[in-house]
Amino acid sequence: MDNLLNPNQGKHVAAAKRKSNPLAIIAAVVGLLLVALFVIRPALLGYGVYQEAQSSNLSVQDYSQNMQQLNHDLDVVKANLSSYSTFTGALLAQVDQKNNDLTECKVELERIKIDVEQAQKQVADKEKEVTDFQGKMQQSIDQQVSDKTGALEQDKTACQDSLTKKETQVGEVQAKYDQLVKNTAKSVCCKMKVDNPQINFYDVVDNKVTCSEQGTNQLNC
């Protein structure tokens, strides 16, 4: 009977075993947490749902139906969101493509701007060439006109001088002719006036001197 332990010694041995086995304590705590997670939490959630149903004046069944409808609506929203996400992805792809197209357009626009600037420069150069050519041609034309005008003025002056000389010569000849006619008429008509005192005029008809009682040229005997 010496090998048997008294009750107090048994308690001390059990306590020593509990102190010397921390894994058992940890396992017990984890077990309590699992029980709380799978038993107490659903109970609390159910109680909370019940309280919300009571506060909204709905029965648990109606509240459950509302929750099911909400879940259904949530599924619809998720489906729509998925569709919107797909559609948005497609739009983003199109936006990327448009951005690429826009970049290409910008590059093409810059190239066209460069071409336009070069073309404008070429046009400006050609316009300057044309302006310079027109200026030279106008100077040449003005010089030719000036030369021709000077030559014509000289010709005109020469013609006027020649005409003046000719007019002077014609006047001299006319004066001589008039004097000749006058002398001839005086010689002829004065003799005829002896026979006909009414003869006081003379004229030239067919290159002949004629005496008359009336006429344009007065006879002086």
C-alpha atoms as a PDB file:
ATOM      1  CA  MET A   1       0.000   0.000   0.000  1.00  0.00           C
ATOM      2  CA  ASP A   2       3.095   2.257   0.160  1.00  0.00           C
ATOM      3  CA  ASN A   3       2.938   2.784  -3.657  1.00  0.00           C
ATOM      4  CA  LEU A   4      -0.543   4.421  -3.555  1.00  0.00           C
ATOM      5  CA  LEU A   5      -0.761   8.242  -3.331  1.00  0.00           C
ATOM      6  CA  ASN A   6      -3.202  10.085  -1.116  1.00  0.00           C
ATOM      7  CA  PRO A   7      -5.819  12.439  -2.683  1.00  0.00           C
ATOM      8  CA  ASN A   8      -3.845  15.613  -2.018  1.00  0.00           C
ATOM      9  CA  GLN A   9      -0.860  14.181  -3.737  1.00  0.00           C
ATOM     10  CA  GLY A  10      -3.073  13.302  -6.788  1.00  0.00           C
ATOM     11  CA  LYS A  11      -4.267  16.910  -7.118  1.00  0.00           C
ATOM     12  CA  HIS A  12      -0.758  18.194  -7.023  1.00  0.00           C
ATOM     13  CA  VAL A  13       0.271  15.735  -9.722  1.00  0.00           C
ATOM     14  CA  ALA A  14      -2.651  16.786 -12.027  1.00  0.00           C
ATOM     15  CA  ALA A  15      -1.844  20.438 -11.498  1.00  0.00           C
ATOM     16  CA  ALA A  16       1.764  19.784 -12.336  1.00  0.00           C
ATOM     17  CA  LYS A  17       0.737  17.981 -15.515  1.00  0.00           C
ATOM     18  CA  ARG A  18      -1.503  20.937 -16.581  1.00  0.00           C
ATOM     19  CA  LYS A  19       1.265  23.410 -15.981  1.00  0.00           C
ATOM     20  CA  SER A  20       3.723  21.301 -17.884  1.00  0.00           C
ATOM     21  CA  ASN A  21       1.438  20.888 -21.036  1.00  0.00           C
ATOM     22  CA  PRO A  22       0.789  24.334 -22.719  1.00  0.00           C
ATOM     23  CA  LEU A  23      -0.222  22.670 -25.996  1.00  0.00           C
ATOM     24  CA  ALA A  24      -3.311  21.329 -24.318  1.00  0.00           C
ATOM     25  CA  ILE A  25      -4.212  24.832 -23.130  1.00  0.00           C
ATOM     26  CA  ILE A  26      -3.749  26.277 -26.611  1.00  0.00           C
ATOM     27  CA  ALA A  27      -5.855  23.474 -28.114  1.00  0.00           C
ATOM     28  CA  ALA A  28      -8.598  24.209 -25.627  1.00  0.00           C
ATOM     29  CA  VAL A  29      -8.618  27.914 -26.465  1.00  0.00           C
ATOM     30  CA  VAL A  30      -8.715  27.189 -30.223  1.00  0.00           C
ATOM     31  CA  GLY A  31     -11.605  24.789 -29.629  1.00  0.00           C
ATOM     32  CA  LEU A  32     -13.539  27.463 -27.760  1.00  0.00           C
ATOM     33  CA  LEU A  33     -12.918  29.946 -30.614  1.00  0.00           C
ATOM     34  CA  LEU A  34     -14.155  27.440 -33.201  1.00  0.00           C
ATOM     35  CA  VAL A  35     -17.266  26.799 -31.148  1.00  0.00           C
ATOM     36  CA  ALA A  36     -17.846  30.562 -30.972  1.00  0.00           C
ATOM     37  CA  LEU A  37     -17.267  30.927 -34.733  1.00  0.00           C
ATOM     38  CA  PHE A  38     -19.551  28.112 -35.887  1.00  0.00           C
ATOM     39  CA  VAL A  39     -22.166  28.204 -33.156  1.00  0.00           C
ATOM     40  CA  ILE A  40     -22.333  31.532 -31.412  1.00  0.00           C
ATOM     41  CA  ARG A  41     -21.721  33.745 -34.509  1.00  0.00           C
ATOM     42  CA  PRO A  42     -24.565  32.259 -36.594  1.00  0.00           C
ATOM     43  CA  ALA A  43     -26.792  32.574 -33.557  1.00  0.00           C
ATOM     44  CA  LEU A  44     -25.839  36.213 -33.159  1.00  0.00           C
ATOM     45  CA  LEU A  45     -26.348  36.865 -36.890  1.00  0.00           C
ATOM     46  CA  GLY A  46     -29.744  35.170 -36.773  1.00  0.00           C
ATOM     47  CA  TYR A  47     -30.678  37.203 -33.757  1.00  0.00           C
ATOM     48  CA  GLY A  48     -29.552  40.357 -35.492  1.00  0.00           C
ATOM     49  CA  VAL A  49     -31.645  39.494 -38.544  1.00  0.00           C
ATOM     50  CA  TYR A  50     -34.578  38.813 -36.275  1.00  0.00           C
ATOM     51  CA  GLN A  51     -34.093  42.181 -34.549  1.00  0.00           C
ATOM     52  CA  GLU A  52     -33.943  43.991 -37.927  1.00  0.00           C
ATOM     53  CA  ALA A  53     -37.080  42.184 -39.073  1.00  0.00           C
ATOM     54  CA  GLN A  54     -38.825  43.201 -35.854  1.00  0.00           C
ATOM     55  CA  SER A  55     -37.736  46.835 -36.195  1.00  0.00           C
ATOM     56  CA  SER A  56     -38.968  46.975 -39.823  1.00  0.00           C
ATOM     57  CA  ASN A  57     -42.341  45.447 -38.911  1.00  0.00           C
ATOM     58  CA  LEU A  58     -41.645  42.506 -41.241  1.00  0.00           C
ATOM     59  CA  SER A  59     -41.931  38.864 -40.536  1.00  0.00           C
ATOM     60  CA  VAL A  60     -38.868  36.692 -40.706  1.00  0.00           C
ATOM     61  CA  GLN A  61     -40.265  35.132 -43.860  1.00  0.00           C
ATOM     62  CA  ASP A  62     -40.832  38.518 -45.529  1.00  0.00           C
ATOM     63  CA  TYR A  63     -37.468  39.692 -44.415  1.00  0.00           C
ATOM     64  CA  SER A  64     -35.933  36.521 -45.846  1.00  0.00           C
ATOM     65  CA  GLN A  65     -37.730  37.084 -49.131  1.00  0.00           C
ATOM     66  CA  ASN A  66     -36.486  40.672 -49.205  1.00  0.00           C
ATOM     67  CA  MET A  67     -32.991  39.448 -48.552  1.00  0.00           C
ATOM     68  CA  GLN A  68     -33.341  36.924 -51.359  1.00  0.00           C
ATOM     69  CA  GLN A  69     -34.619  39.678 -53.676  1.00  0.00           C
ATOM     70  CA  LEU A  70     -31.737  41.878 -52.650  1.00  0.00           C
ATOM     71  CA  ASN A  71     -29.320  39.023 -53.280  1.00  0.00           C
ATOM     72  CA  HIS A  72     -30.960  38.489 -56.661  1.00  0.00           C
ATOM     73  CA  ASP A  73     -30.686  42.229 -57.415  1.00  0.00           C
ATOM     74  CA  LEU A  74     -27.079  42.096 -56.269  1.00  0.00           C
ATOM     75  CA  ASP A  75     -26.426  39.223 -58.675  1.00  0.00           C
ATOM     76  CA  VAL A  76     -28.058  41.262 -61.469  1.00  0.00           C
ATOM     77  CA  VAL A  77     -25.939  44.268 -60.571  1.00  0.00           C
ATOM     78  CA  LYS A  78     -22.844  42.076 -60.550  1.00  0.00           C
ATOM     79  CA  ALA A  79     -23.809  40.685 -63.967  1.00  0.00           C
ATOM     80  CA  ASN A  80     -24.423  44.218 -65.276  1.00  0.00           C
ATOM     81  CA  LEU A  81     -21.164  45.322 -63.729  1.00  0.00           C
ATOM     82  CA  SER A  82     -19.427  42.467 -65.513  1.00  0.00           C
ATOM     83  CA  SER A  83     -21.085  43.525 -68.781  1.00  0.00           C
ATOM     84  CA  TYR A  84     -20.136  47.132 -68.130  1.00  0.00           C
ATOM     85  CA  SER A  85     -16.608  46.010 -67.370  1.00  0.00           C
ATOM     86  CA  THR A  86     -16.464  44.125 -70.671  1.00  0.00           C
ATOM     87  CA  PHE A  87     -17.990  47.079 -72.508  1.00  0.00           C
ATOM     88  CA  THR A  88     -15.600  49.459 -70.758  1.00  0.00           C
ATOM     89  CA  GLY A  89     -12.692  47.241 -71.748  1.00  0.00           C
ATOM     90  CA  ALA A  90     -13.855  47.376 -75.357  1.00  0.00           C
ATOM     91  CA  LEU A  91     -14.211  51.150 -75.132  1.00  0.00           C
ATOM     92  CA  LEU A  92     -10.748  51.436 -73.627  1.00  0.00           C
ATOM     93  CA  ALA A  93      -9.404  49.344 -76.498  1.00  0.00           C
ATOM     94  CA  GLN A  94     -11.150  51.664 -78.951  1.00  0.00           C
ATOM     95  CA  VAL A  95      -9.786  54.679 -77.078  1.00  0.00           C
ATOM     96  CA  ASP A  96      -6.287  53.235 -77.328  1.00  0.00           C
ATOM     97  CA  GLN A  97      -6.796  52.663 -81.039  1.00  0.00           C
ATOM     98  CA  LYS A  98      -8.122  56.193 -81.467  1.00  0.00           C
ATOM     99  CA  ASN A  99      -5.159  57.531 -79.541  1.00  0.00           C
ATOM    100  CA  ASN A 100      -2.864  55.624 -81.889  1.00  0.00           C
ATOM    101  CA  ASP A 101      -4.785  56.994 -84.863  1.00  0.00           C
ATOM    102  CA  LEU A 102      -4.607  60.485 -83.367  1.00  0.00           C
ATOM    103  CA  THR A 103      -0.865  60.138 -82.901  1.00  0.00           C
ATOM    104  CA  GLU A 104      -0.504  59.063 -86.525  1.00  0.00           C
ATOM    105  CA  CYS A 105      -2.691  61.991 -87.584  1.00  0.00           C
ATOM    106  CA  LYS A 106      -0.516  64.383 -85.582  1.00  0.00           C
ATOM    107  CA  VAL A 107       2.596  62.998 -87.227  1.00  0.00           C
ATOM    108  CA  GLU A 108       0.951  63.313 -90.648  1.00  0.00           C
ATOM    109  CA  LEU A 109      -0.196  66.834 -89.792  1.00  0.00           C
ATOM    110  CA  GLU A 110       3.324  67.853 -88.851  1.00  0.00           C
ATOM    111  CA  ARG A 111       4.604  66.395 -92.122  1.00  0.00           C
ATOM    112  CA  ILE A 112       1.926  68.271 -94.051  1.00  0.00           C
ATOM    113  CA  LYS A 113       2.804  71.482 -92.194  1.00  0.00           C
ATOM    114  CA  ILE A 114       6.431  71.047 -93.204  1.00  0.00           C
ATOM    115  CA  ASP A 115       5.377  70.403 -96.824  1.00  0.00           C
ATOM    116  CA  VAL A 116       3.119  73.478 -96.756  1.00  0.00           C
ATOM    117  CA  GLU A 117       5.892  75.638 -95.331  1.00  0.00           C
ATOM    118  CA  GLN A 118       8.268  74.422 -98.025  1.00  0.00           C
ATOM    119  CA  ALA A 119       5.636  75.042-100.705  1.00  0.00           C
ATOM    120  CA  GLN A 120       4.972  78.539 -99.331  1.00  0.00           C
ATOM    121  CA  LYS A 121       8.691  79.278 -99.397  1.00  0.00           C
ATOM    122  CA  GLN A 122       8.917  78.068-102.989  1.00  0.00           C
ATOM    123  CA  VAL A 123       5.914  80.216-103.924  1.00  0.00           C
ATOM    124  CA  ALA A 124       7.486  83.229-102.184  1.00  0.00           C
ATOM    125  CA  ASP A 125      10.748  82.632-104.063  1.00  0.00           C
ATOM    126  CA  LYS A 126       8.888  82.335-107.374  1.00  0.00           C
ATOM    127  CA  GLU A 127       6.900  85.490-106.629  1.00  0.00           C
ATOM    128  CA  LYS A 128      10.153  87.333-105.926  1.00  0.00           C
ATOM    129  CA  GLU A 129      11.617  86.049-109.186  1.00  0.00           C
ATOM    130  CA  VAL A 130       8.496  87.157-111.060  1.00  0.00           C
ATOM    131  CA  THR A 131       8.556  90.556-109.336  1.00  0.00           C
ATOM    132  CA  ASP A 132      12.226  91.035-110.166  1.00  0.00           C
ATOM    133  CA  PHE A 133      11.630  89.949-113.774  1.00  0.00           C
ATOM    134  CA  GLN A 134       8.641  92.266-114.082  1.00  0.00           C
ATOM    135  CA  GLY A 135      10.715  95.116-112.666  1.00  0.00           C
ATOM    136  CA  LYS A 136      13.505  94.495-115.181  1.00  0.00           C
ATOM    137  CA  MET A 137      11.000  94.179-118.042  1.00  0.00           C
ATOM    138  CA  GLN A 138       9.258  97.379-116.969  1.00  0.00           C
ATOM    139  CA  GLN A 139      12.586  99.208-116.862  1.00  0.00           C
ATOM    140  CA  SER A 140      13.401  97.883-120.328  1.00  0.00           C
ATOM    141  CA  ILE A 141       9.966  98.881-121.621  1.00  0.00           C
ATOM    142  CA  ASP A 142      10.239 102.330-120.048  1.00  0.00           C
ATOM    143  CA  GLN A 143      13.673 102.796-121.592  1.00  0.00           C
ATOM    144  CA  GLN A 144      12.425 101.696-125.006  1.00  0.00           C
ATOM    145  CA  VAL A 145       9.390 103.976-124.720  1.00  0.00           C
ATOM    146  CA  SER A 146      11.636 106.836-123.659  1.00  0.00           C
ATOM    147  CA  ASP A 147      13.982 106.195-126.588  1.00  0.00           C
ATOM    148  CA  LYS A 148      11.097 105.897-129.060  1.00  0.00           C
ATOM    149  CA  THR A 149       9.429 108.975-127.619  1.00  0.00           C
ATOM    150  CA  GLY A 150      12.664 110.941-127.931  1.00  0.00           C
ATOM    151  CA  ALA A 151      13.124 109.769-131.511  1.00  0.00           C
ATOM    152  CA  LEU A 152       9.517 110.631-132.358  1.00  0.00           C
ATOM    153  CA  GLU A 153       9.877 114.041-130.749  1.00  0.00           C
ATOM    154  CA  GLN A 154      12.974 114.640-132.848  1.00  0.00           C
ATOM    155  CA  ASP A 155      11.124 113.464-135.967  1.00  0.00           C
ATOM    156  CA  LYS A 156       8.178 115.657-135.043  1.00  0.00           C
ATOM    157  CA  THR A 157      10.415 118.679-134.557  1.00  0.00           C
ATOM    158  CA  ALA A 158      12.145 117.972-137.849  1.00  0.00           C
ATOM    159  CA  CYS A 159       8.781 117.609-139.612  1.00  0.00           C
ATOM    160  CA  GLN A 160       7.491 120.809-138.046  1.00  0.00           C
ATOM    161  CA  ASP A 161      10.620 122.635-139.105  1.00  0.00           C
ATOM    162  CA  SER A 162      10.317 121.188-142.620  1.00  0.00           C
ATOM    163  CA  LEU A 163       6.615 122.072-142.721  1.00  0.00           C
ATOM    164  CA  THR A 164       7.356 125.604-141.611  1.00  0.00           C
ATOM    165  CA  LYS A 165       9.955 125.924-144.317  1.00  0.00           C
ATOM    166  CA  LYS A 166       7.568 124.463-146.901  1.00  0.00           C
ATOM    167  CA  GLU A 167       4.801 126.793-145.764  1.00  0.00           C
ATOM    168  CA  THR A 168       7.209 129.694-146.059  1.00  0.00           C
ATOM    169  CA  GLN A 169       8.225 128.576-149.493  1.00  0.00           C
ATOM    170  CA  VAL A 170       4.601 128.096-150.496  1.00  0.00           C
ATOM    171  CA  GLY A 171       3.815 131.560-149.161  1.00  0.00           C
ATOM    172  CA  GLU A 172       6.656 133.044-151.117  1.00  0.00           C
ATOM    173  CA  VAL A 173       5.551 131.207-154.254  1.00  0.00           C
ATOM    174  CA  GLN A 174       1.932 132.241-153.635  1.00  0.00           C
ATOM    175  CA  ALA A 175       3.004 135.856-153.178  1.00  0.00           C
ATOM    176  CA  LYS A 176       4.993 135.722-156.385  1.00  0.00           C
ATOM    177  CA  TYR A 177       2.047 134.094-158.157  1.00  0.00           C
ATOM    178  CA  ASP A 178      -0.380 136.700-156.820  1.00  0.00           C
ATOM    179  CA  GLN A 179       1.978 139.452-157.853  1.00  0.00           C
ATOM    180  CA  LEU A 180       2.332 137.871-161.282  1.00  0.00           C
ATOM    181  CA  VAL A 181      -1.439 137.587-161.679  1.00  0.00           C
ATOM    182  CA  LYS A 182      -1.889 141.137-160.456  1.00  0.00           C
ATOM    183  CA  ASN A 183       0.662 142.451-162.910  1.00  0.00           C
ATOM    184  CA  THR A 184      -0.810 140.376-165.725  1.00  0.00           C
ATOM    185  CA  ALA A 185      -4.342 141.580-164.914  1.00  0.00           C
ATOM    186  CA  LYS A 186      -3.146 145.165-164.752  1.00  0.00           C
ATOM    187  CA  SER A 187      -1.467 144.789-168.090  1.00  0.00           C
ATOM    188  CA  VAL A 188      -4.433 143.113-169.771  1.00  0.00           C
ATOM    189  CA  CYS A 189      -7.483 144.534-168.040  1.00  0.00           C
ATOM    190  CA  CYS A 190      -6.278 148.123-167.933  1.00  0.00           C
ATOM    191  CA  LYS A 191      -6.022 148.041-171.697  1.00  0.00           C
ATOM    192  CA  MET A 192      -9.539 146.627-171.928  1.00  0.00           C
ATOM    193  CA  LYS A 193     -10.777 149.266-169.468  1.00  0.00           C
ATOM    194  CA  VAL A 194      -9.947 151.928-172.062  1.00  0.00           C
ATOM    195  CA  ASP A 195     -12.643 150.437-174.301  1.00  0.00           C
ATOM    196  CA  ASN A 196     -14.969 149.513-171.385  1.00  0.00           C
ATOM    197  CA  PRO A 197     -14.670 151.741-168.326  1.00  0.00           C
ATOM    198  CA  GLN A 198     -16.987 149.410-166.337  1.00  0.00           C
ATOM    199  CA  ILE A 199     -14.191 146.853-166.016  1.00  0.00           C
ATOM    200  CA  ASN A 200     -12.955 147.135-162.406  1.00  0.00           C
ATOM    201  CA  PHE A 201     -12.273 143.493-161.400  1.00  0.00           C
ATOM    202  CA  TYR A 202     -10.251 140.545-162.518  1.00  0.00           C
ATOM    203  CA  ASP A 203     -10.092 136.841-161.737  1.00  0.00           C
ATOM    204  CA  VAL A 204      -8.192 133.718-162.735  1.00  0.00           C
ATOM    205  CA  VAL A 205     -10.273 131.115-164.550  1.00  0.00           C
ATOM    206  CA  ASP A 206      -8.655 128.004-166.015  1.00  0.00           C
ATOM    207  CA  ASN A 207      -5.226 129.539-165.453  1.00  0.00           C
ATOM    208  CA  LYS A 208      -6.237 132.572-167.462  1.00  0.00           C
ATOM    209  CA  VAL A 209      -6.798 136.131-166.323  1.00  0.00           C
ATOM    210  CA  THR A 210     -10.294 137.328-167.066  1.00  0.00           C
ATOM    211  CA  CYS A 211     -11.542 140.903-166.748  1.00  0.00           C
ATOM    212  CA  SER A 212     -15.024 141.623-165.480  1.00  0.00           C
ATOM    213  CA  GLU A 213     -17.267 144.384-164.194  1.00  0.00           C
ATOM    214  CA  GLN A 214     -17.873 142.368-160.986  1.00  0.00           C
ATOM    215  CA  GLY A 215     -15.553 139.978-159.153  1.00  0.00           C
ATOM    216  CA  THR A 216     -13.407 139.330-156.122  1.00  0.00           C
ATOM    217  CA  ASN A 217     -10.122 140.991-157.053  1.00  0.00           C
ATOM    218  CA  GLN A 218     -10.076 144.776-157.399  1.00  0.00           C
ATOM    219  CA  LEU A 219      -8.370 146.107-160.466  1.00  0.00           C
ATOM    220  CA  ASN A 220      -5.851 148.935-159.909  1.00  0.00           C
ATOM    221  CA  CYS A 221      -4.792 150.723-163.099  1.00  0.00           C
END
